Amino acid sequence: AVVSTQSTGVVRSLLYGFAGNVAHRQPDGSYVSVGNRQQGNIHPSSVLSGNQSGASKVESDVIVFNEMVVTTATYLRTCSVMDKSWLQQQQGEGSNVEGGVVEG
């Protein structure tokens, strides 16, 4: 996934503020949140969503989201693509994200 230099700082800040809202892509295209281990899809209204089912059109292994909405399905809203290496860097800086799982 390509993230512009200008937005990198913003997305990295989101990672620090929403460490529990990091989600990892699954083989079926859905994502699993590290915070509550719940599976969901990117909300269909998102520019990152490829279709009405919420399947991602973005080939990103990791996203950070603002909100999880549960209706007839579980959706992740206000999502941002992030670089997987940022998680490793944040762990080295004392983050509460450890190996893809939130501590505590």
N, C-alpha and C. Protein backbone atom coordinates (compact mmCIF):
# COMPACT_ATOMS: atom_id res chain seq x y z
N ALA A 1 0.84 -1.18 0.00
CA ALA A 1 0.00 0.00 0.00
C ALA A 1 0.88 1.23 0.00
N VAL A 2 0.44 2.24 -0.71
CA VAL A 2 1.22 3.46 -0.81
C VAL A 2 0.55 4.53 0.06
N VAL A 3 1.34 5.11 0.95
CA VAL A 3 0.86 6.19 1.79
C VAL A 3 1.75 7.39 1.51
N SER A 4 1.14 8.53 1.20
CA SER A 4 1.93 9.72 0.87
C SER A 4 2.71 10.19 2.09
N THR A 5 3.81 10.86 1.84
CA THR A 5 4.64 11.39 2.90
C THR A 5 3.86 12.35 3.77
N GLN A 6 3.00 13.14 3.17
CA GLN A 6 2.22 14.13 3.90
C GLN A 6 1.25 13.47 4.89
N SER A 7 0.63 12.37 4.51
CA SER A 7 -0.34 11.72 5.39
C SER A 7 0.29 10.73 6.36
N THR A 8 1.55 10.39 6.16
CA THR A 8 2.21 9.42 7.02
C THR A 8 2.17 9.84 8.48
N GLY A 9 2.47 11.09 8.77
CA GLY A 9 2.46 11.57 10.15
C GLY A 9 1.09 11.47 10.78
N VAL A 10 0.06 11.77 10.01
CA VAL A 10 -1.31 11.70 10.52
C VAL A 10 -1.68 10.26 10.85
N VAL A 11 -1.40 9.35 9.94
CA VAL A 11 -1.75 7.94 10.16
C VAL A 11 -0.94 7.36 11.32
N ARG A 12 0.33 7.73 11.43
CA ARG A 12 1.13 7.24 12.55
C ARG A 12 0.59 7.77 13.87
N SER A 13 0.08 8.98 13.88
CA SER A 13 -0.55 9.53 15.09
C SER A 13 -1.81 8.75 15.44
N LEU A 14 -2.58 8.38 14.42
CA LEU A 14 -3.77 7.56 14.66
C LEU A 14 -3.38 6.22 15.28
N LEU A 15 -2.28 5.65 14.82
CA LEU A 15 -1.81 4.38 15.36
C LEU A 15 -1.53 4.51 16.85
N TYR A 16 -0.89 5.61 17.26
CA TYR A 16 -0.61 5.83 18.68
C TYR A 16 -1.89 6.02 19.49
N GLY A 17 -2.84 6.77 18.93
CA GLY A 17 -4.07 7.05 19.65
C GLY A 17 -5.07 5.91 19.65
N PHE A 18 -5.03 5.10 18.62
CA PHE A 18 -6.00 4.01 18.47
C PHE A 18 -5.30 2.66 18.34
N ALA A 19 -4.34 2.39 19.21
CA ALA A 19 -3.56 1.15 19.13
C ALA A 19 -4.46 -0.09 19.18
N GLY A 20 -5.54 -0.03 19.92
CA GLY A 20 -6.46 -1.16 20.00
C GLY A 20 -7.33 -1.31 18.78
N ASN A 21 -7.30 -0.32 17.89
CA ASN A 21 -8.10 -0.34 16.67
C ASN A 21 -7.28 -0.65 15.44
N VAL A 22 -6.21 -1.37 15.63
CA VAL A 22 -5.42 -1.88 14.52
C VAL A 22 -6.05 -3.21 14.12
N ALA A 23 -6.13 -3.46 12.83
CA ALA A 23 -6.71 -4.72 12.35
C ALA A 23 -5.82 -5.31 11.27
N HIS A 24 -5.72 -6.63 11.31
CA HIS A 24 -4.90 -7.37 10.36
C HIS A 24 -5.79 -8.06 9.33
N ARG A 25 -5.36 -7.99 8.07
CA ARG A 25 -6.10 -8.59 6.96
C ARG A 25 -6.04 -10.11 7.05
N GLN A 26 -7.17 -10.73 6.76
CA GLN A 26 -7.30 -12.18 6.75
C GLN A 26 -7.30 -12.68 5.30
N PRO A 27 -7.06 -13.96 5.09
CA PRO A 27 -7.04 -14.50 3.72
C PRO A 27 -8.32 -14.23 2.91
N ASP A 28 -9.47 -14.14 3.59
CA ASP A 28 -10.73 -13.89 2.88
C ASP A 28 -10.99 -12.41 2.60
N GLY A 29 -10.05 -11.52 2.99
CA GLY A 29 -10.19 -10.09 2.73
C GLY A 29 -10.79 -9.31 3.88
N SER A 30 -11.29 -9.99 4.90
CA SER A 30 -11.80 -9.30 6.07
C SER A 30 -10.62 -8.91 6.97
N TYR A 31 -10.91 -8.24 8.07
CA TYR A 31 -9.88 -7.82 9.02
C TYR A 31 -10.26 -8.27 10.42
N VAL A 32 -9.26 -8.56 11.25
CA VAL A 32 -9.49 -8.90 12.65
C VAL A 32 -8.81 -7.85 13.51
N SER A 33 -9.58 -7.28 14.42
CA SER A 33 -9.09 -6.24 15.32
C SER A 33 -8.18 -6.86 16.38
N VAL A 34 -7.06 -6.18 16.67
CA VAL A 34 -6.17 -6.68 17.71
C VAL A 34 -6.75 -6.40 19.10
N GLY A 35 -7.64 -5.40 19.19
CA GLY A 35 -8.20 -5.03 20.49
C GLY A 35 -9.16 -6.05 21.05
N ASN A 36 -10.16 -6.43 20.26
CA ASN A 36 -11.18 -7.36 20.76
C ASN A 36 -11.25 -8.65 19.94
N ARG A 37 -10.31 -8.80 19.01
CA ARG A 37 -10.21 -10.01 18.17
C ARG A 37 -11.48 -10.28 17.36
N GLN A 38 -12.28 -9.24 17.10
CA GLN A 38 -13.50 -9.38 16.33
C GLN A 38 -13.21 -9.18 14.85
N GLN A 39 -13.84 -10.00 14.03
CA GLN A 39 -13.65 -9.94 12.59
C GLN A 39 -14.67 -9.01 11.97
N GLY A 40 -14.24 -8.22 11.00
CA GLY A 40 -15.15 -7.33 10.30
C GLY A 40 -14.61 -6.95 8.94
N ASN A 41 -15.43 -6.27 8.18
CA ASN A 41 -15.05 -5.78 6.86
C ASN A 41 -15.03 -4.26 6.88
N ILE A 42 -14.29 -3.69 5.96
CA ILE A 42 -14.29 -2.25 5.80
C ILE A 42 -15.70 -1.83 5.39
N HIS A 43 -16.22 -0.76 6.00
CA HIS A 43 -17.58 -0.31 5.73
C HIS A 43 -17.75 0.01 4.24
N PRO A 44 -18.87 -0.40 3.65
CA PRO A 44 -19.08 -0.19 2.21
C PRO A 44 -19.02 1.27 1.76
N SER A 45 -19.25 2.22 2.67
CA SER A 45 -19.19 3.64 2.30
C SER A 45 -17.75 4.16 2.22
N SER A 46 -16.79 3.37 2.66
CA SER A 46 -15.39 3.79 2.65
C SER A 46 -14.81 3.74 1.25
N VAL A 47 -13.90 4.68 0.97
CA VAL A 47 -13.20 4.65 -0.32
C VAL A 47 -12.27 3.44 -0.39
N LEU A 48 -11.97 2.81 0.74
CA LEU A 48 -11.12 1.62 0.76
C LEU A 48 -11.91 0.35 0.46
N SER A 49 -13.23 0.44 0.49
CA SER A 49 -14.08 -0.72 0.24
C SER A 49 -14.23 -0.93 -1.26
N GLY A 50 -14.17 -2.19 -1.66
CA GLY A 50 -14.28 -2.51 -3.08
C GLY A 50 -15.69 -2.76 -3.55
N ASN A 51 -16.58 -3.12 -2.62
CA ASN A 51 -17.95 -3.44 -3.03
C ASN A 51 -18.90 -3.35 -1.84
N GLN A 52 -20.15 -3.66 -2.06
CA GLN A 52 -21.16 -3.53 -1.02
C GLN A 52 -20.95 -4.49 0.16
N SER A 53 -20.23 -5.58 -0.01
CA SER A 53 -19.99 -6.51 1.08
C SER A 53 -18.91 -6.01 2.02
N GLY A 54 -18.18 -4.97 1.62
CA GLY A 54 -17.12 -4.42 2.45
C GLY A 54 -15.77 -5.05 2.18
N ALA A 55 -15.69 -5.94 1.20
CA ALA A 55 -14.40 -6.53 0.85
C ALA A 55 -13.46 -5.41 0.42
N SER A 56 -12.25 -5.46 0.89
CA SER A 56 -11.30 -4.39 0.65
C SER A 56 -10.79 -4.40 -0.78
N LYS A 57 -10.66 -3.20 -1.35
CA LYS A 57 -9.99 -3.08 -2.65
C LYS A 57 -8.54 -2.68 -2.45
N VAL A 58 -8.15 -2.49 -1.21
CA VAL A 58 -6.78 -2.11 -0.86
C VAL A 58 -6.05 -3.36 -0.39
N GLU A 59 -4.87 -3.58 -0.92
CA GLU A 59 -4.09 -4.75 -0.54
C GLU A 59 -3.17 -4.43 0.64
N SER A 60 -3.74 -3.98 1.73
CA SER A 60 -2.96 -3.64 2.91
C SER A 60 -3.15 -4.71 3.97
N ASP A 61 -2.04 -5.18 4.53
CA ASP A 61 -2.12 -6.20 5.57
C ASP A 61 -2.61 -5.63 6.89
N VAL A 62 -2.45 -4.31 7.08
CA VAL A 62 -2.79 -3.69 8.36
C VAL A 62 -3.50 -2.36 8.11
N ILE A 63 -4.59 -2.13 8.86
CA ILE A 63 -5.27 -0.85 8.84
C ILE A 63 -5.48 -0.39 10.28
N VAL A 64 -5.77 0.88 10.44
CA VAL A 64 -6.22 1.41 11.73
C VAL A 64 -7.59 2.02 11.46
N PHE A 65 -8.54 1.77 12.38
CA PHE A 65 -9.90 2.26 12.17
C PHE A 65 -10.36 3.04 13.40
N ASN A 66 -11.36 3.88 13.21
CA ASN A 66 -11.88 4.69 14.30
C ASN A 66 -13.03 4.01 15.03
N GLU A 67 -13.85 3.27 14.30
CA GLU A 67 -15.08 2.76 14.91
C GLU A 67 -15.46 1.40 14.32
N MET A 68 -15.98 0.52 15.17
CA MET A 68 -16.51 -0.76 14.74
C MET A 68 -18.03 -0.70 14.89
N VAL A 69 -18.74 -0.93 13.79
CA VAL A 69 -20.19 -0.85 13.78
C VAL A 69 -20.73 -2.25 13.55
N VAL A 70 -21.66 -2.67 14.43
CA VAL A 70 -22.27 -3.99 14.29
C VAL A 70 -23.74 -3.79 13.92
N THR A 71 -24.08 -4.24 12.71
CA THR A 71 -25.47 -4.24 12.25
C THR A 71 -25.80 -5.68 11.92
N THR A 72 -26.23 -5.95 10.71
CA THR A 72 -26.39 -7.34 10.29
C THR A 72 -25.03 -7.97 10.01
N ALA A 73 -24.00 -7.11 9.93
CA ALA A 73 -22.62 -7.54 9.76
C ALA A 73 -21.75 -6.60 10.60
N THR A 74 -20.48 -6.93 10.76
CA THR A 74 -19.56 -6.08 11.50
C THR A 74 -18.70 -5.30 10.50
N TYR A 75 -18.69 -3.98 10.67
CA TYR A 75 -17.95 -3.11 9.76
C TYR A 75 -16.96 -2.24 10.52
N LEU A 76 -15.85 -1.95 9.87
CA LEU A 76 -14.84 -1.04 10.39
C LEU A 76 -14.99 0.27 9.62
N ARG A 77 -15.16 1.38 10.37
CA ARG A 77 -15.39 2.68 9.73
C ARG A 77 -14.22 3.61 9.98
N THR A 78 -14.09 4.56 9.09
CA THR A 78 -13.04 5.57 9.13
C THR A 78 -11.68 4.88 9.22
N CYS A 79 -11.35 4.16 8.18
CA CYS A 79 -10.14 3.34 8.11
C CYS A 79 -9.01 4.09 7.39
N SER A 80 -7.80 3.79 7.83
CA SER A 80 -6.61 4.30 7.17
C SER A 80 -5.63 3.16 6.94
N VAL A 81 -5.03 3.16 5.78
CA VAL A 81 -4.00 2.18 5.45
C VAL A 81 -2.75 2.54 6.23
N MET A 82 -2.06 1.54 6.74
CA MET A 82 -0.80 1.81 7.44
C MET A 82 0.24 0.79 7.05
N ASP A 83 1.47 1.14 7.25
CA ASP A 83 2.60 0.28 6.95
C ASP A 83 2.83 -0.66 8.14
N LYS A 84 2.92 -1.94 7.87
CA LYS A 84 3.10 -2.94 8.93
C LYS A 84 4.35 -2.66 9.78
N SER A 85 5.38 -2.09 9.19
CA SER A 85 6.61 -1.82 9.93
C SER A 85 6.41 -0.79 11.03
N TRP A 86 5.36 0.04 10.92
CA TRP A 86 5.11 1.03 11.95
C TRP A 86 4.76 0.38 13.28
N LEU A 87 4.10 -0.78 13.25
CA LEU A 87 3.78 -1.51 14.48
C LEU A 87 5.06 -1.92 15.19
N GLN A 88 6.01 -2.43 14.43
CA GLN A 88 7.28 -2.86 15.01
C GLN A 88 8.04 -1.67 15.58
N GLN A 89 8.03 -0.55 14.89
CA GLN A 89 8.70 0.65 15.37
C GLN A 89 8.04 1.15 16.65
N GLN A 90 6.72 1.12 16.68
CA GLN A 90 5.99 1.60 17.85
C GLN A 90 6.25 0.70 19.05
N GLN A 91 6.38 -0.60 18.84
CA GLN A 91 6.68 -1.53 19.93
C GLN A 91 8.00 -1.15 20.58
N GLY A 92 8.96 -0.74 19.78
CA GLY A 92 10.26 -0.34 20.29
C GLY A 92 10.21 0.96 21.07
N GLU A 93 9.13 1.72 20.89
CA GLU A 93 8.97 3.00 21.58
C GLU A 93 8.03 2.89 22.77
N GLY A 94 7.74 1.68 23.23
CA GLY A 94 6.92 1.50 24.42
C GLY A 94 5.43 1.45 24.17
N SER A 95 5.02 1.08 22.98
CA SER A 95 3.61 0.99 22.66
C SER A 95 2.95 -0.13 23.44
N ASN A 96 1.63 -0.07 23.50
CA ASN A 96 0.89 -1.17 24.11
C ASN A 96 0.46 -2.22 23.11
N VAL A 97 0.95 -2.14 21.88
CA VAL A 97 0.69 -3.17 20.88
C VAL A 97 1.88 -4.11 20.87
N GLU A 98 1.66 -5.36 21.20
CA GLU A 98 2.73 -6.35 21.29
C GLU A 98 2.39 -7.52 20.39
N GLY A 99 3.15 -7.70 19.34
CA GLY A 99 2.96 -8.85 18.43
C GLY A 99 1.58 -8.92 17.82
N GLY A 100 0.96 -7.76 17.58
CA GLY A 100 -0.37 -7.77 16.97
C GLY A 100 -1.48 -7.94 17.99
N VAL A 101 -1.16 -7.98 19.27
CA VAL A 101 -2.18 -8.13 20.31
C VAL A 101 -2.00 -6.99 21.30
N VAL A 102 -3.10 -6.36 21.68
CA VAL A 102 -3.02 -5.27 22.64
C VAL A 102 -2.87 -5.85 24.04
N GLU A 103 -1.89 -5.35 24.77
CA GLU A 103 -1.68 -5.80 26.15
C GLU A 103 -2.67 -5.11 27.06
N GLY A 104 -2.92 -5.79 28.19
CA GLY A 104 -3.71 -5.15 29.24
C GLY A 104 -5.04 -5.64 29.36
